[in-house]
Amino acid sequence: MKFGFIGAGTVAQTLAKHLLLHGHEVILSNSRGPETLSDLISSLGAGAKSGTPSEAAEQDFVILCVTWAQMPAALSLSPD
């Protein structure tokens, strides 16, 4: 299965690690752009990649991992 994360903080990272251990693929995204996640993606290893929030939202399962105050912006998913 493919999991998309909108948000890449502690909660998203913890869930992603567990999903990767079970052979799933994950895409993590944040508001600053995929290039800002390169160190994190490298540390997660195979099956992990970074993307835009719109790319994360296209996966089989989408997990919203942002603070309450960030939710309106995260859910707007304006074109990238």
PDB file of N, CA and C in Angstrom:
ATOM      1  N   MET A   1       0.844  -1.166   0.000  1.00  0.00           N
ATOM      2  CA  MET A   1       0.000   0.000   0.000  1.00  0.00           C
ATOM      3  C   MET A   1       0.895   1.237   0.000  1.00  0.00           C
ATOM      4  N   LYS A   2       0.322   2.306  -0.480  1.00  0.00           N
ATOM      5  CA  LYS A   2       1.033   3.585  -0.515  1.00  0.00           C
ATOM      6  C   LYS A   2       0.342   4.563   0.426  1.00  0.00           C
ATOM      7  N   PHE A   3       1.121   5.164   1.299  1.00  0.00           N
ATOM      8  CA  PHE A   3       0.620   6.100   2.290  1.00  0.00           C
ATOM      9  C   PHE A   3       1.187   7.485   2.017  1.00  0.00           C
ATOM     10  N   GLY A   4       0.332   8.479   1.995  1.00  0.00           N
ATOM     11  CA  GLY A   4       0.749   9.863   1.834  1.00  0.00           C
ATOM     12  C   GLY A   4       0.568  10.611   3.139  1.00  0.00           C
ATOM     13  N   PHE A   5       1.576  11.363   3.519  1.00  0.00           N
ATOM     14  CA  PHE A   5       1.517  12.154   4.744  1.00  0.00           C
ATOM     15  C   PHE A   5       1.525  13.631   4.388  1.00  0.00           C
ATOM     16  N   ILE A   6       0.541  14.339   4.869  1.00  0.00           N
ATOM     17  CA  ILE A   6       0.523  15.789   4.767  1.00  0.00           C
ATOM     18  C   ILE A   6       0.999  16.279   6.125  1.00  0.00           C
ATOM     19  N   GLY A   7       2.242  16.694   6.153  1.00  0.00           N
ATOM     20  CA  GLY A   7       2.938  17.003   7.386  1.00  0.00           C
ATOM     21  C   GLY A   7       4.058  15.983   7.554  1.00  0.00           C
ATOM     22  N   ALA A   8       5.171  16.402   8.084  1.00  0.00           N
ATOM     23  CA  ALA A   8       6.328  15.503   8.198  1.00  0.00           C
ATOM     24  C   ALA A   8       7.001  15.606   9.560  1.00  0.00           C
ATOM     25  N   GLY A   9       6.223  15.921  10.572  1.00  0.00           N
ATOM     26  CA  GLY A   9       6.772  16.055  11.915  1.00  0.00           C
ATOM     27  C   GLY A   9       6.934  14.718  12.615  1.00  0.00           C
ATOM     28  N   THR A  10       7.009  14.749  13.915  1.00  0.00           N
ATOM     29  CA  THR A  10       7.277  13.570  14.725  1.00  0.00           C
ATOM     30  C   THR A  10       6.239  12.466  14.526  1.00  0.00           C
ATOM     31  N   VAL A  11       4.979  12.823  14.496  1.00  0.00           N
ATOM     32  CA  VAL A  11       3.920  11.817  14.328  1.00  0.00           C
ATOM     33  C   VAL A  11       4.043  11.151  12.960  1.00  0.00           C
ATOM     34  N   ALA A  12       4.189  11.933  11.920  1.00  0.00           N
ATOM     35  CA  ALA A  12       4.321  11.386  10.567  1.00  0.00           C
ATOM     36  C   ALA A  12       5.561  10.499  10.460  1.00  0.00           C
ATOM     37  N   GLN A  13       6.653  10.930  11.020  1.00  0.00           N
ATOM     38  CA  GLN A  13       7.891  10.150  10.945  1.00  0.00           C
ATOM     39  C   GLN A  13       7.755   8.821  11.671  1.00  0.00           C
ATOM     40  N   THR A  14       7.134   8.828  12.830  1.00  0.00           N
ATOM     41  CA  THR A  14       6.956   7.599  13.599  1.00  0.00           C
ATOM     42  C   THR A  14       6.069   6.611  12.851  1.00  0.00           C
ATOM     43  N   LEU A  15       4.947   7.093  12.326  1.00  0.00           N
ATOM     44  CA  LEU A  15       4.059   6.221  11.559  1.00  0.00           C
ATOM     45  C   LEU A  15       4.743   5.701  10.300  1.00  0.00           C
ATOM     46  N   ALA A  16       5.467   6.571   9.620  1.00  0.00           N
ATOM     47  CA  ALA A  16       6.160   6.173   8.396  1.00  0.00           C
ATOM     48  C   ALA A  16       7.172   5.061   8.676  1.00  0.00           C
ATOM     49  N   LYS A  17       7.924   5.178   9.754  1.00  0.00           N
ATOM     50  CA  LYS A  17       8.908   4.145  10.100  1.00  0.00           C
ATOM     51  C   LYS A  17       8.240   2.788  10.276  1.00  0.00           C
ATOM     52  N   HIS A  18       7.108   2.767  10.967  1.00  0.00           N
ATOM     53  CA  HIS A  18       6.399   1.509  11.190  1.00  0.00           C
ATOM     54  C   HIS A  18       5.836   0.947   9.888  1.00  0.00           C
ATOM     55  N   LEU A  19       5.303   1.809   9.059  1.00  0.00           N
ATOM     56  CA  LEU A  19       4.757   1.348   7.779  1.00  0.00           C
ATOM     57  C   LEU A  19       5.851   0.795   6.874  1.00  0.00           C
ATOM     58  N   LEU A  20       6.989   1.445   6.852  1.00  0.00           N
ATOM     59  CA  LEU A  20       8.104   0.975   6.031  1.00  0.00           C
ATOM     60  C   LEU A  20       8.604  -0.394   6.485  1.00  0.00           C
ATOM     61  N   LEU A  21       8.586  -0.640   7.785  1.00  0.00           N
ATOM     62  CA  LEU A  21       9.007  -1.942   8.309  1.00  0.00           C
ATOM     63  C   LEU A  21       8.130  -3.079   7.792  1.00  0.00           C
ATOM     64  N   HIS A  22       6.912  -2.737   7.410  1.00  0.00           N
ATOM     65  CA  HIS A  22       5.959  -3.742   6.928  1.00  0.00           C
ATOM     66  C   HIS A  22       5.827  -3.732   5.410  1.00  0.00           C
ATOM     67  N   GLY A  23       6.782  -3.099   4.726  1.00  0.00           N
ATOM     68  CA  GLY A  23       6.844  -3.162   3.279  1.00  0.00           C
ATOM     69  C   GLY A  23       5.992  -2.165   2.517  1.00  0.00           C
ATOM     70  N   HIS A  24       5.432  -1.193   3.203  1.00  0.00           N
ATOM     71  CA  HIS A  24       4.626  -0.176   2.531  1.00  0.00           C
ATOM     72  C   HIS A  24       5.516   0.939   1.992  1.00  0.00           C
ATOM     73  N   GLU A  25       4.954   1.735   1.098  1.00  0.00           N
ATOM     74  CA  GLU A  25       5.642   2.913   0.576  1.00  0.00           C
ATOM     75  C   GLU A  25       5.024   4.150   1.223  1.00  0.00           C
ATOM     76  N   VAL A  26       5.849   5.168   1.461  1.00  0.00           N
ATOM     77  CA  VAL A  26       5.349   6.403   2.068  1.00  0.00           C
ATOM     78  C   VAL A  26       5.854   7.615   1.288  1.00  0.00           C
ATOM     79  N   ILE A  27       5.009   8.615   1.224  1.00  0.00           N
ATOM     80  CA  ILE A  27       5.392   9.917   0.678  1.00  0.00           C
ATOM     81  C   ILE A  27       5.107  10.941   1.770  1.00  0.00           C
ATOM     82  N   LEU A  28       6.134  11.651   2.175  1.00  0.00           N
ATOM     83  CA  LEU A  28       5.972  12.698   3.168  1.00  0.00           C
ATOM     84  C   LEU A  28       6.023  14.058   2.483  1.00  0.00           C
ATOM     85  N   SER A  29       5.213  14.972   2.970  1.00  0.00           N
ATOM     86  CA  SER A  29       5.184  16.315   2.403  1.00  0.00           C
ATOM     87  C   SER A  29       5.120  17.335   3.531  1.00  0.00           C
ATOM     88  N   ASN A  30       5.483  18.549   3.189  1.00  0.00           N
ATOM     89  CA  ASN A  30       5.353  19.660   4.136  1.00  0.00           C
ATOM     90  C   ASN A  30       5.086  20.936   3.352  1.00  0.00           C
ATOM     91  N   SER A  31       4.918  22.019   4.065  1.00  0.00           N
ATOM     92  CA  SER A  31       4.598  23.297   3.422  1.00  0.00           C
ATOM     93  C   SER A  31       5.820  23.965   2.797  1.00  0.00           C
ATOM     94  N   ARG A  32       7.009  23.491   3.104  1.00  0.00           N
ATOM     95  CA  ARG A  32       8.240  24.120   2.603  1.00  0.00           C
ATOM     96  C   ARG A  32       8.781  23.476   1.334  1.00  0.00           C
ATOM     97  N   GLY A  33       8.200  22.361   0.913  1.00  0.00           N
ATOM     98  CA  GLY A  33       8.624  21.727  -0.333  1.00  0.00           C
ATOM     99  C   GLY A  33       9.402  20.450  -0.136  1.00  0.00           C
ATOM    100  N   PRO A  34       9.318  19.550  -1.117  1.00  0.00           N
ATOM    101  CA  PRO A  34       9.957  18.234  -1.022  1.00  0.00           C
ATOM    102  C   PRO A  34      11.470  18.277  -0.804  1.00  0.00           C
ATOM    103  N   GLU A  35      12.122  19.275  -1.364  1.00  0.00           N
ATOM    104  CA  GLU A  35      13.582  19.342  -1.239  1.00  0.00           C
ATOM    105  C   GLU A  35      14.041  19.535   0.201  1.00  0.00           C
ATOM    106  N   THR A  36      13.179  20.070   1.066  1.00  0.00           N
ATOM    107  CA  THR A  36      13.552  20.281   2.467  1.00  0.00           C
ATOM    108  C   THR A  36      13.497  18.990   3.284  1.00  0.00           C
ATOM    109  N   LEU A  37      13.005  17.928   2.686  1.00  0.00           N
ATOM    110  CA  LEU A  37      12.865  16.659   3.399  1.00  0.00           C
ATOM    111  C   LEU A  37      13.926  15.633   3.017  1.00  0.00           C
ATOM    112  N   SER A  38      14.929  16.029   2.262  1.00  0.00           N
ATOM    113  CA  SER A  38      15.902  15.069   1.736  1.00  0.00           C
ATOM    114  C   SER A  38      16.643  14.315   2.839  1.00  0.00           C
ATOM    115  N   ASP A  39      17.057  14.971   3.908  1.00  0.00           N
ATOM    116  CA  ASP A  39      17.760  14.278   4.995  1.00  0.00           C
ATOM    117  C   ASP A  39      16.838  13.267   5.682  1.00  0.00           C
ATOM    118  N   LEU A  40      15.597  13.663   5.902  1.00  0.00           N
ATOM    119  CA  LEU A  40      14.636  12.766   6.531  1.00  0.00           C
ATOM    120  C   LEU A  40      14.390  11.540   5.663  1.00  0.00           C
ATOM    121  N   ILE A  41      14.190  11.746   4.380  1.00  0.00           N
ATOM    122  CA  ILE A  41      13.924  10.637   3.471  1.00  0.00           C
ATOM    123  C   ILE A  41      15.118   9.689   3.428  1.00  0.00           C
ATOM    124  N   SER A  42      16.310  10.230   3.419  1.00  0.00           N
ATOM    125  CA  SER A  42      17.520   9.395   3.446  1.00  0.00           C
ATOM    126  C   SER A  42      17.571   8.547   4.714  1.00  0.00           C
ATOM    127  N   SER A  43      17.195   9.138   5.835  1.00  0.00           N
ATOM    128  CA  SER A  43      17.246   8.392   7.096  1.00  0.00           C
ATOM    129  C   SER A  43      16.170   7.316   7.172  1.00  0.00           C
ATOM    130  N   LEU A  44      15.043   7.513   6.490  1.00  0.00           N
ATOM    131  CA  LEU A  44      13.977   6.516   6.497  1.00  0.00           C
ATOM    132  C   LEU A  44      14.312   5.333   5.600  1.00  0.00           C
ATOM    133  N   GLY A  45      15.029   5.571   4.518  1.00  0.00           N
ATOM    134  CA  GLY A  45      15.476   4.489   3.650  1.00  0.00           C
ATOM    135  C   GLY A  45      14.516   4.120   2.533  1.00  0.00           C
ATOM    136  N   ALA A  46      14.686   2.904   2.032  1.00  0.00           N
ATOM    137  CA  ALA A  46      13.933   2.421   0.873  1.00  0.00           C
ATOM    138  C   ALA A  46      12.431   2.450   1.143  1.00  0.00           C
ATOM    139  N   GLY A  47      11.702   2.875   0.139  1.00  0.00           N
ATOM    140  CA  GLY A  47      10.250   2.940   0.243  1.00  0.00           C
ATOM    141  C   GLY A  47       9.729   4.301   0.643  1.00  0.00           C
ATOM    142  N   ALA A  48      10.626   5.202   1.036  1.00  0.00           N
ATOM    143  CA  ALA A  48      10.231   6.552   1.450  1.00  0.00           C
ATOM    144  C   ALA A  48      10.631   7.554   0.385  1.00  0.00           C
ATOM    145  N   LYS A  49       9.774   8.505   0.138  1.00  0.00           N
ATOM    146  CA  LYS A  49      10.141   9.620  -0.732  1.00  0.00           C
ATOM    147  C   LYS A  49       9.393  10.863  -0.303  1.00  0.00           C
ATOM    148  N   SER A  50       9.850  11.996  -0.778  1.00  0.00           N
ATOM    149  CA  SER A  50       9.201  13.259  -0.463  1.00  0.00           C
ATOM    150  C   SER A  50       8.359  13.676  -1.659  1.00  0.00           C
ATOM    151  N   GLY A  51       7.394  14.504  -1.397  1.00  0.00           N
ATOM    152  CA  GLY A  51       6.535  15.010  -2.452  1.00  0.00           C
ATOM    153  C   GLY A  51       5.799  16.242  -1.984  1.00  0.00           C
ATOM    154  N   THR A  52       4.947  16.731  -2.827  1.00  0.00           N
ATOM    155  CA  THR A  52       4.111  17.875  -2.469  1.00  0.00           C
ATOM    156  C   THR A  52       2.880  17.351  -1.718  1.00  0.00           C
ATOM    157  N   PRO A  53       2.177  18.221  -1.011  1.00  0.00           N
ATOM    158  CA  PRO A  53       0.941  17.776  -0.371  1.00  0.00           C
ATOM    159  C   PRO A  53      -0.057  17.175  -1.381  1.00  0.00           C
ATOM    160  N   SER A  54      -0.121  17.731  -2.574  1.00  0.00           N
ATOM    161  CA  SER A  54      -1.021  17.175  -3.596  1.00  0.00           C
ATOM    162  C   SER A  54      -0.610  15.764  -3.992  1.00  0.00           C
ATOM    163  N   GLU A  55       0.689  15.516  -4.109  1.00  0.00           N
ATOM    164  CA  GLU A  55       1.172  14.168  -4.429  1.00  0.00           C
ATOM    165  C   GLU A  55       0.872  13.197  -3.289  1.00  0.00           C
ATOM    166  N   ALA A  56       1.043  13.651  -2.067  1.00  0.00           N
ATOM    167  CA  ALA A  56       0.728  12.815  -0.908  1.00  0.00           C
ATOM    168  C   ALA A  56      -0.760  12.475  -0.885  1.00  0.00           C
ATOM    169  N   ALA A  57      -1.588  13.428  -1.273  1.00  0.00           N
ATOM    170  CA  ALA A  57      -3.041  13.227  -1.249  1.00  0.00           C
ATOM    171  C   ALA A  57      -3.527  12.255  -2.313  1.00  0.00           C
ATOM    172  N   GLU A  58      -2.683  11.898  -3.265  1.00  0.00           N
ATOM    173  CA  GLU A  58      -3.065  10.968  -4.333  1.00  0.00           C
ATOM    174  C   GLU A  58      -2.804   9.505  -3.974  1.00  0.00           C
ATOM    175  N   GLN A  59      -2.274   9.231  -2.794  1.00  0.00           N
ATOM    176  CA  GLN A  59      -1.909   7.867  -2.417  1.00  0.00           C
ATOM    177  C   GLN A  59      -3.138   7.073  -1.948  1.00  0.00           C
ATOM    178  N   ASP A  60      -2.943   5.759  -1.738  1.00  0.00           N
ATOM    179  CA  ASP A  60      -4.041   4.891  -1.305  1.00  0.00           C
ATOM    180  C   ASP A  60      -4.651   5.354   0.019  1.00  0.00           C
ATOM    181  N   PHE A  61      -3.802   5.736   0.942  1.00  0.00           N
ATOM    182  CA  PHE A  61      -4.230   6.255   2.238  1.00  0.00           C
ATOM    183  C   PHE A  61      -3.539   7.582   2.465  1.00  0.00           C
ATOM    184  N   VAL A  62      -4.268   8.542   3.022  1.00  0.00           N
ATOM    185  CA  VAL A  62      -3.714   9.862   3.303  1.00  0.00           C
ATOM    186  C   VAL A  62      -3.846  10.123   4.796  1.00  0.00           C
ATOM    187  N   ILE A  63      -2.747  10.515   5.406  1.00  0.00           N
ATOM    188  CA  ILE A  63      -2.720  10.777   6.836  1.00  0.00           C
ATOM    189  C   ILE A  63      -2.347  12.237   7.044  1.00  0.00           C
ATOM    190  N   LEU A  64      -3.234  12.963   7.694  1.00  0.00           N
ATOM    191  CA  LEU A  64      -3.028  14.385   7.971  1.00  0.00           C
ATOM    192  C   LEU A  64      -2.293  14.514   9.302  1.00  0.00           C
ATOM    193  N   CYS A  65      -1.087  15.059   9.273  1.00  0.00           N
ATOM    194  CA  CYS A  65      -0.246  15.175  10.472  1.00  0.00           C
ATOM    195  C   CYS A  65       0.216  16.613  10.658  1.00  0.00           C
ATOM    196  N   VAL A  66      -0.737  17.498  10.861  1.00  0.00           N
ATOM    197  CA  VAL A  66      -0.420  18.909  11.099  1.00  0.00           C
ATOM    198  C   VAL A  66      -1.139  19.372  12.355  1.00  0.00           C
ATOM    199  N   THR A  67      -0.733  20.509  12.875  1.00  0.00           N
ATOM    200  CA  THR A  67      -1.424  21.058  14.041  1.00  0.00           C
ATOM    201  C   THR A  67      -2.794  21.579  13.622  1.00  0.00           C
ATOM    202  N   TRP A  68      -3.639  21.736  14.578  1.00  0.00           N
ATOM    203  CA  TRP A  68      -5.005  22.218  14.324  1.00  0.00           C
ATOM    204  C   TRP A  68      -4.981  23.550  13.568  1.00  0.00           C
ATOM    205  N   ALA A  69      -4.107  24.446  13.954  1.00  0.00           N
ATOM    206  CA  ALA A  69      -4.028  25.763  13.313  1.00  0.00           C
ATOM    207  C   ALA A  69      -3.584  25.673  11.855  1.00  0.00           C
ATOM    208  N   GLN A  70      -2.823  24.646  11.507  1.00  0.00           N
ATOM    209  CA  GLN A  70      -2.339  24.476  10.128  1.00  0.00           C
ATOM    210  C   GLN A  70      -3.326  23.732   9.236  1.00  0.00           C
ATOM    211  N   MET A  71      -4.374  23.176   9.827  1.00  0.00           N
ATOM    212  CA  MET A  71      -5.273  22.329   9.065  1.00  0.00           C
ATOM    213  C   MET A  71      -5.944  23.018   7.878  1.00  0.00           C
ATOM    214  N   PRO A  72      -6.485  24.216   8.008  1.00  0.00           N
ATOM    215  CA  PRO A  72      -7.127  24.839   6.827  1.00  0.00           C
ATOM    216  C   PRO A  72      -6.165  24.979   5.641  1.00  0.00           C
ATOM    217  N   ALA A  73      -4.954  25.400   5.892  1.00  0.00           N
ATOM    218  CA  ALA A  73      -3.982  25.547   4.809  1.00  0.00           C
ATOM    219  C   ALA A  73      -3.589  24.192   4.233  1.00  0.00           C
ATOM    220  N   ALA A  74      -3.410  23.203   5.099  1.00  0.00           N
ATOM    221  CA  ALA A  74      -3.008  21.876   4.647  1.00  0.00           C
ATOM    222  C   ALA A  74      -4.085  21.222   3.796  1.00  0.00           C
ATOM    223  N   LEU A  75      -5.327  21.464   4.125  1.00  0.00           N
ATOM    224  CA  LEU A  75      -6.430  20.841   3.389  1.00  0.00           C
ATOM    225  C   LEU A  75      -6.825  21.594   2.137  1.00  0.00           C
ATOM    226  N   SER A  76      -6.316  22.802   1.945  1.00  0.00           N
ATOM    227  CA  SER A  76      -6.668  23.560   0.756  1.00  0.00           C
ATOM    228  C   SER A  76      -6.049  22.919  -0.475  1.00  0.00           C
ATOM    229  N   LEU A  77      -4.865  22.308  -0.329  1.00  0.00           N
ATOM    230  CA  LEU A  77      -4.177  21.610  -1.422  1.00  0.00           C
ATOM    231  C   LEU A  77      -4.250  22.368  -2.728  1.00  0.00           C
ATOM    232  N   SER A  78      -3.885  23.638  -2.657  1.00  0.00           N
ATOM    233  CA  SER A  78      -3.858  24.438  -3.882  1.00  0.00           C
ATOM    234  C   SER A  78      -2.863  23.845  -4.868  1.00  0.00           C
ATOM    235  N   PRO A  79      -3.060  24.074  -6.165  1.00  0.00           N
ATOM    236  CA  PRO A  79      -2.154  23.498  -7.148  1.00  0.00           C
ATOM    237  C   PRO A  79      -0.710  23.883  -6.876  1.00  0.00           C
ATOM    238  N   ASP A  80       0.192  22.930  -7.013  1.00  0.00           N
ATOM    239  CA  ASP A  80       1.620  23.155  -6.727  1.00  0.00           C
ATOM    240  C   ASP A  80       2.340  23.729  -7.911  1.00  0.00           C
TER     241      ASP A  80
END
